[in-house]
């Protein structure tokens, strides 16, 4: 009971933090320029931008320019080798590996609105078993709430709404590939997010860009049968209610030279319990099957190196891994992405 109360309080605090940031942003937008002390010199737009691709895990704080198409093919290769229990202690578990190829396609509709799709292909592997398939399909619309101004604290702030459609395989999975053949969650997922970024010019060649992302996602109920992405077994049949997920990521990029930059993400994700109602069925060994799970938390980091040929072409690569967690998998992986704007 105490742990569930702490879980709810943690998630509520994260949500309040995101809403507080959003409230401040919108309030600032509503204040007249004269009250904010705007003038043509202090609020002139930044003319010379450094070369950045963006960090491995964060969403951008600025919409894509009108008429531009941003293409970012991502490749994730992640090894899951343990399980953090309810007391944040790491225990052994079956080693699995997931490879995901996801391509972000972002188009600037107007100077303040962009739209994004991100089709993905998922491959799961463990021991002598493997499966591949199309993953869930996200569609996102972003709105520019604030424009960055030089010589002020004012950052770029982008707000987005994302709907993820359940195009991946999630139910009636193969009993011999339990947990492997699932490539999606089977739920319509709605995510609200806010991203802020700000440039800090230390010298002409050394620029730091700070980023902050706060998102909250909630999911429609899912009907499952047999082995499924949430667990299950022979005879399982019922309804799954996935828990909402809140994510906070703090990140930064620093230019070593005009073309080379370092990046770092530090993220916390908290997921509420997933509930199941129906017939649980039995597992492969005849034991009662389990479906869903309790409250989850994970803290992860992702350092990376960027190389940018110019402001429209670059590449970023680096590891990402969990530092600690609760009721979730330990992982280590490599992420690489190509950045193209046309």
Protein backbone atom coordinates (compact mmCIF):
# COMPACT_ATOMS: atom_id res chain seq x y z
CA UNK A 1 0.00 0.00 0.00
CA UNK A 2 2.80 2.44 0.91
CA UNK A 3 4.64 1.78 -2.36
CA UNK A 4 1.48 2.41 -4.40
CA UNK A 5 0.93 5.72 -2.60
CA UNK A 6 4.53 6.75 -3.33
CA UNK A 7 4.07 5.70 -6.95
CA UNK A 8 0.97 7.81 -7.37
CA UNK A 9 2.60 10.77 -5.67
CA UNK A 10 5.69 10.50 -7.90
CA UNK A 11 3.63 10.43 -11.07
CA UNK A 12 1.40 13.27 -9.87
CA UNK A 13 4.47 15.40 -9.11
CA UNK A 14 5.88 14.76 -12.59
CA UNK A 15 2.55 15.69 -14.19
CA UNK A 16 2.28 18.85 -12.09
CA UNK A 17 5.81 19.83 -13.11
CA UNK A 18 4.96 19.52 -16.78
CA UNK A 19 1.69 21.41 -16.38
CA UNK A 20 3.45 24.15 -14.42
CA UNK A 21 5.99 24.64 -17.21
CA UNK A 22 3.19 24.76 -19.76
CA UNK A 23 1.24 27.30 -17.67
CA UNK A 24 4.25 29.60 -17.39
CA UNK A 25 4.88 29.34 -21.14
CA UNK A 26 1.30 30.20 -22.07
CA UNK A 27 1.16 33.03 -19.54
CA UNK A 28 4.33 34.50 -20.96
CA UNK A 29 2.87 34.33 -24.45
CA UNK A 30 -0.12 36.33 -23.25
CA UNK A 31 1.94 39.19 -21.74
CA UNK A 32 2.25 42.19 -24.06
CA UNK A 33 5.69 42.97 -25.44
CA UNK A 34 5.90 46.26 -23.60
CA UNK A 35 5.41 44.54 -20.23
CA UNK A 36 8.11 42.00 -21.02
CA UNK A 37 10.49 44.79 -21.95
CA UNK A 38 10.88 43.60 -25.59
CA UNK A 39 12.82 45.80 -28.00
CA UNK A 40 14.29 45.29 -31.44
CA UNK A 41 17.85 44.89 -30.16
CA UNK A 42 17.27 42.57 -27.19
CA UNK A 43 14.79 40.38 -29.06
CA UNK A 44 16.35 40.11 -32.49
CA UNK A 45 16.32 36.55 -33.89
CA UNK A 46 19.44 34.39 -33.78
CA UNK A 47 21.13 34.68 -37.19
CA UNK A 48 24.01 32.18 -37.05
CA UNK A 49 22.94 28.77 -35.78
CA UNK A 50 25.48 26.13 -34.73
CA UNK A 51 25.36 22.66 -36.25
CA UNK A 52 23.31 20.22 -34.14
CA UNK A 53 21.38 17.01 -34.91
CA UNK A 54 19.49 16.92 -31.61
CA UNK A 55 20.12 14.43 -28.82
CA UNK A 56 19.31 10.73 -29.02
CA UNK A 57 16.18 10.75 -26.84
CA UNK A 58 14.65 14.24 -26.81
CA UNK A 59 12.06 15.82 -29.04
CA UNK A 60 13.00 19.12 -30.66
CA UNK A 61 11.95 22.45 -29.12
CA UNK A 62 11.48 24.09 -32.51
CA UNK A 63 9.18 23.15 -35.37
CA UNK A 64 10.64 22.34 -38.78
CA UNK A 65 10.66 25.37 -41.07
CA UNK A 66 7.71 25.75 -43.43
CA UNK A 67 8.12 23.62 -46.56
CA UNK A 68 11.11 21.67 -45.19
CA UNK A 69 11.14 17.88 -44.81
CA UNK A 70 13.27 16.42 -42.02
CA UNK A 71 14.22 12.75 -42.39
CA UNK A 72 15.84 10.91 -39.47
CA UNK A 73 16.36 7.13 -39.82
CA UNK A 74 17.04 5.70 -36.33
CA UNK A 75 18.46 2.30 -35.44
CA UNK A 76 18.20 0.91 -31.89
CA UNK A 77 19.89 -2.32 -30.83
CA UNK A 78 19.13 -3.05 -27.17
CA UNK A 79 20.05 -5.94 -24.89
CA UNK A 80 17.78 -6.67 -21.92
CA UNK A 81 19.74 -8.70 -19.39
CA UNK A 82 18.13 -8.36 -15.97
CA UNK A 83 15.12 -7.22 -13.98
CA UNK A 84 14.90 -4.51 -11.33
CA UNK A 85 12.59 -5.70 -8.56
CA UNK A 86 10.23 -3.63 -6.43
CA UNK A 87 13.13 -2.70 -4.13
CA UNK A 88 15.31 -1.32 -6.98
CA UNK A 89 17.58 -4.37 -6.83
CA UNK A 90 18.81 -6.02 -10.02
CA UNK A 91 17.99 -9.70 -10.50
CA UNK A 92 18.91 -12.10 -13.29
CA UNK A 93 16.47 -12.74 -16.13
CA UNK A 94 16.40 -14.26 -19.60
CA UNK A 95 18.60 -12.27 -21.96
CA UNK A 96 16.74 -10.83 -24.93
CA UNK A 97 17.63 -8.37 -27.68
CA UNK A 98 15.43 -5.97 -29.59
CA UNK A 99 16.39 -4.23 -32.84
CA UNK A 100 14.21 -1.34 -33.99
CA UNK A 101 14.49 0.61 -37.22
CA UNK A 102 12.38 3.75 -37.06
CA UNK A 103 12.30 6.59 -39.57
CA UNK A 104 11.08 10.03 -38.51
CA UNK A 105 9.52 12.03 -41.34
CA UNK A 106 8.69 15.60 -40.29
CA UNK A 107 7.18 18.24 -42.57
CA UNK A 108 6.79 21.94 -41.79
CA UNK A 109 3.19 22.86 -42.60
CA UNK A 110 3.51 26.49 -41.53
CA UNK A 111 6.07 28.61 -39.68
CA UNK A 112 4.62 27.33 -36.38
CA UNK A 113 3.13 23.90 -37.14
CA UNK A 114 4.79 20.65 -38.21
CA UNK A 115 3.52 17.11 -38.63
CA UNK A 116 5.46 13.89 -38.07
CA UNK A 117 5.08 10.19 -38.76
CA UNK A 118 7.50 7.52 -37.55
CA UNK A 119 6.95 4.03 -39.02
CA UNK A 120 9.02 1.36 -37.31
CA UNK A 121 10.14 -2.23 -37.83
CA UNK A 122 10.76 -4.36 -34.74
CA UNK A 123 12.89 -7.49 -34.37
CA UNK A 124 13.03 -9.51 -31.12
CA UNK A 125 15.61 -12.19 -30.37
CA UNK A 126 16.28 -14.59 -27.46
CA UNK A 127 18.30 -17.80 -27.35
CA UNK A 128 17.37 -19.64 -30.58
CA UNK A 129 14.11 -17.78 -31.19
CA UNK A 130 13.44 -14.59 -33.12
CA UNK A 131 10.59 -12.67 -34.70
CA UNK A 132 10.19 -9.51 -36.74
CA UNK A 133 7.23 -7.36 -37.66
CA UNK A 134 5.80 -3.89 -38.15
CA UNK A 135 5.47 -1.88 -34.94
CA UNK A 136 2.85 0.59 -33.76
CA UNK A 137 2.46 3.72 -35.91
CA UNK A 138 2.81 7.23 -34.33
CA UNK A 139 1.38 10.41 -35.86
CA UNK A 140 2.35 13.74 -34.25
CA UNK A 141 1.40 17.38 -34.68
CA UNK A 142 3.63 20.06 -33.12
CA UNK A 143 2.94 23.73 -32.39
CA UNK A 144 5.53 26.44 -31.76
CA UNK A 145 4.51 28.18 -28.51
CA UNK A 146 7.58 30.42 -28.08
CA UNK A 147 10.42 31.58 -30.31
CA UNK A 148 13.95 31.86 -28.90
CA UNK A 149 15.38 35.40 -28.59
CA UNK A 150 19.04 36.31 -28.24
CA UNK A 151 20.26 38.21 -25.18
CA UNK A 152 17.21 37.04 -23.18
CA UNK A 153 16.29 33.92 -21.26
CA UNK A 154 13.44 33.20 -23.71
CA UNK A 155 13.80 29.65 -25.19
CA UNK A 156 12.20 27.85 -28.08
CA UNK A 157 9.16 25.96 -26.80
CA UNK A 158 7.21 23.43 -28.82
CA UNK A 159 4.04 21.64 -27.72
CA UNK A 160 2.87 18.45 -29.41
CA UNK A 161 0.07 15.92 -29.49
CA UNK A 162 0.83 12.39 -30.65
CA UNK A 163 -1.51 9.52 -31.43
CA UNK A 164 -0.03 6.04 -31.77
CA UNK A 165 -2.08 3.54 -33.75
CA UNK A 166 -1.93 -0.17 -32.81
CA UNK A 167 -0.51 -1.61 -36.03
CA UNK A 168 1.90 -4.00 -34.28
CA UNK A 169 1.21 -7.63 -33.32
CA UNK A 170 0.16 -7.92 -29.67
CA UNK A 171 -2.27 -10.80 -29.03
CA UNK A 172 -2.52 -14.56 -29.74
CA UNK A 173 1.26 -14.76 -29.90
CA UNK A 174 3.18 -17.98 -30.46
CA UNK A 175 3.57 -19.97 -27.18
CA UNK A 176 7.12 -20.89 -28.19
CA UNK A 177 8.08 -17.25 -28.48
CA UNK A 178 6.44 -15.80 -25.39
CA UNK A 179 7.11 -12.10 -25.21
CA UNK A 180 9.13 -12.17 -28.44
CA UNK A 181 6.59 -12.08 -31.26
CA UNK A 182 4.82 -9.02 -29.85
CA UNK A 183 5.73 -5.88 -31.78
CA UNK A 184 3.08 -3.53 -30.39
CA UNK A 185 0.78 -2.77 -27.48
CA UNK A 186 -2.63 -3.05 -29.16
CA UNK A 187 -3.73 0.26 -27.67
CA UNK A 188 -4.53 3.68 -29.08
CA UNK A 189 -1.96 5.80 -27.24
CA UNK A 190 -2.32 9.56 -26.83
CA UNK A 191 0.73 11.53 -25.69
CA UNK A 192 0.88 15.20 -24.75
CA UNK A 193 4.34 16.76 -24.66
CA UNK A 194 6.24 19.98 -24.24
CA UNK A 195 9.84 20.55 -25.31
CA UNK A 196 12.05 23.54 -24.60
CA UNK A 197 15.53 24.32 -25.90
CA UNK A 198 17.90 27.24 -25.44
CA UNK A 199 21.27 28.20 -26.93
CA UNK A 200 24.11 29.50 -24.76
CA UNK A 201 27.04 31.05 -26.67
CA UNK A 202 30.18 30.51 -24.59
CA UNK A 203 32.53 31.41 -27.45
CA UNK A 204 32.07 31.70 -31.18
CA UNK A 205 33.03 28.04 -31.68
CA UNK A 206 31.71 26.55 -28.42
CA UNK A 207 27.95 26.63 -28.06
CA UNK A 208 25.78 24.77 -25.55
CA UNK A 209 22.16 23.89 -26.29
CA UNK A 210 20.02 22.81 -23.35
CA UNK A 211 16.81 20.78 -23.79
CA UNK A 212 13.93 19.75 -21.53
CA UNK A 213 11.11 17.35 -22.46
CA UNK A 214 8.06 16.49 -20.37
CA UNK A 215 5.46 14.05 -21.74
CA UNK A 216 2.40 12.23 -20.42
CA UNK A 217 0.84 9.33 -22.31
CA UNK A 218 -2.40 7.46 -21.68
CA UNK A 219 -3.76 4.36 -23.39
CA UNK A 220 -7.07 2.81 -24.42
CA UNK A 221 -8.07 -0.60 -22.99
CA UNK A 222 -7.02 -3.69 -24.95
CA UNK A 223 -8.75 -7.05 -25.42
CA UNK A 224 -6.27 -9.94 -25.36
CA UNK A 225 -6.32 -13.69 -25.91
CA UNK A 226 -3.70 -16.31 -25.18
CA UNK A 227 -0.07 -15.23 -25.01
CA UNK A 228 0.13 -11.47 -25.54
CA UNK A 229 2.39 -8.43 -25.15
CA UNK A 230 1.29 -8.08 -21.51
CA UNK A 231 1.91 -11.73 -20.51
CA UNK A 232 -0.80 -14.36 -20.59
CA UNK A 233 -0.80 -18.04 -21.48
CA UNK A 234 -3.03 -20.86 -22.63
CA UNK A 235 -6.66 -19.91 -22.09
CA UNK A 236 -6.00 -16.27 -21.27
CA UNK A 237 -8.88 -14.05 -22.27
CA UNK A 238 -9.86 -10.64 -20.98
CA UNK A 239 -9.28 -6.91 -20.93
CA UNK A 240 -6.02 -5.04 -20.22
CA UNK A 241 -5.95 -1.43 -19.04
CA UNK A 242 -2.40 -0.11 -19.56
CA UNK A 243 -1.17 2.44 -17.04
CA UNK A 244 -0.33 5.99 -18.03
CA UNK A 245 3.32 6.90 -18.60
CA UNK A 246 5.12 10.12 -17.64
CA UNK A 247 8.61 10.91 -18.93
CA UNK A 248 11.00 13.74 -18.06
CA UNK A 249 14.27 14.15 -19.99
CA UNK A 250 16.99 16.75 -19.40
CA UNK A 251 19.56 16.98 -22.19
CA UNK A 252 22.36 19.06 -23.63
CA UNK A 253 24.64 19.40 -26.67
CA UNK A 254 28.04 21.08 -26.77
CA UNK A 255 30.04 21.94 -29.90
CA UNK A 256 33.71 20.95 -29.70
CA UNK A 257 34.31 22.27 -33.21
CA UNK A 258 32.12 23.65 -35.97
CA UNK A 259 31.31 20.07 -37.05
CA UNK A 260 31.71 17.91 -33.92
CA UNK A 261 29.44 18.02 -30.87
CA UNK A 262 28.83 15.99 -27.71
CA UNK A 263 25.33 15.18 -26.47
CA UNK A 264 23.84 13.76 -23.27
CA UNK A 265 20.32 12.72 -22.21
CA UNK A 266 19.25 11.94 -18.63
CA UNK A 267 15.71 10.60 -18.38
CA UNK A 268 13.20 9.41 -15.79
CA UNK A 269 10.13 7.41 -16.82
CA UNK A 270 7.30 6.40 -14.49
CA UNK A 271 4.49 4.06 -15.57
CA UNK A 272 1.37 3.34 -13.54
CA UNK A 273 0.22 -0.23 -13.01
CA UNK A 274 -1.35 -2.19 -15.86
CA UNK A 275 -4.56 -3.96 -14.76
CA UNK A 276 -6.19 -7.09 -16.15
CA UNK A 277 -9.72 -8.44 -15.78
CA UNK A 278 -10.77 -11.84 -17.13
CA UNK A 279 -9.38 -15.36 -17.24
CA UNK A 280 -5.62 -15.47 -16.64
CA UNK A 281 -5.04 -18.97 -18.04
CA UNK A 282 -1.87 -21.01 -17.48
CA UNK A 283 1.73 -20.61 -18.60
CA UNK A 284 4.01 -22.99 -20.49
CA UNK A 285 4.98 -24.83 -17.31
CA UNK A 286 1.40 -25.14 -16.06
CA UNK A 287 1.69 -22.33 -13.55
CA UNK A 288 -0.97 -19.58 -13.38
CA UNK A 289 -0.25 -17.00 -16.07
CA UNK A 290 0.33 -13.36 -15.25
CA UNK A 291 -0.98 -10.41 -17.26
CA UNK A 292 0.05 -6.82 -16.65
CA UNK A 293 2.19 -5.58 -13.80
CA UNK A 294 2.70 -3.01 -11.07
CA UNK A 295 4.05 0.50 -11.02
CA UNK A 296 7.36 0.93 -12.91
CA UNK A 297 10.20 3.41 -12.87
CA UNK A 298 13.48 3.63 -14.75
CA UNK A 299 16.32 6.13 -14.90
CA UNK A 300 18.42 6.03 -18.08
CA UNK A 301 21.21 8.00 -19.75
CA UNK A 302 22.35 8.34 -23.37
CA UNK A 303 25.70 10.01 -24.15
CA UNK A 304 26.47 10.52 -27.83
CA UNK A 305 28.77 12.07 -30.41
CA UNK A 306 27.50 14.12 -33.36
CA UNK A 307 29.15 14.94 -36.66
CA UNK A 308 27.43 17.59 -38.74
CA UNK A 309 28.55 18.41 -42.27
CA UNK A 310 26.30 21.48 -42.26
CA UNK A 311 23.06 22.71 -40.68
CA UNK A 312 21.02 20.24 -42.76
CA UNK A 313 23.09 17.03 -42.66
CA UNK A 314 24.53 15.17 -39.71
CA UNK A 315 24.86 11.88 -37.87
CA UNK A 316 24.68 10.96 -34.18
CA UNK A 317 25.64 7.74 -32.42
CA UNK A 318 26.01 6.59 -28.84
CA UNK A 319 24.94 4.10 -26.14
CA UNK A 320 21.84 4.26 -23.98
CA UNK A 321 21.40 2.28 -20.80
CA UNK A 322 19.48 2.07 -17.55
CA UNK A 323 21.11 3.27 -14.34
CA UNK A 324 18.46 1.88 -12.00
CA UNK A 325 14.78 1.06 -11.93
CA UNK A 326 11.85 -0.64 -10.25
CA UNK A 327 9.70 -3.45 -11.67
CA UNK A 328 11.29 -3.02 -15.08
CA UNK A 329 14.04 -4.45 -17.27
CA UNK A 330 17.70 -3.51 -17.11
CA UNK A 331 19.06 -2.67 -20.55
CA UNK A 332 22.07 -1.54 -22.56
CA UNK A 333 22.01 -0.61 -26.21
CA UNK A 334 23.37 1.44 -29.07
CA UNK A 335 21.47 4.12 -30.97
CA UNK A 336 22.45 5.70 -34.29
CA UNK A 337 20.61 8.22 -36.45
CA UNK A 338 21.11 10.16 -39.66
CA UNK A 339 19.85 13.76 -39.80
CA UNK A 340 18.69 15.15 -43.16
CA UNK A 341 16.66 18.26 -43.96
CA UNK A 342 15.43 18.86 -47.49
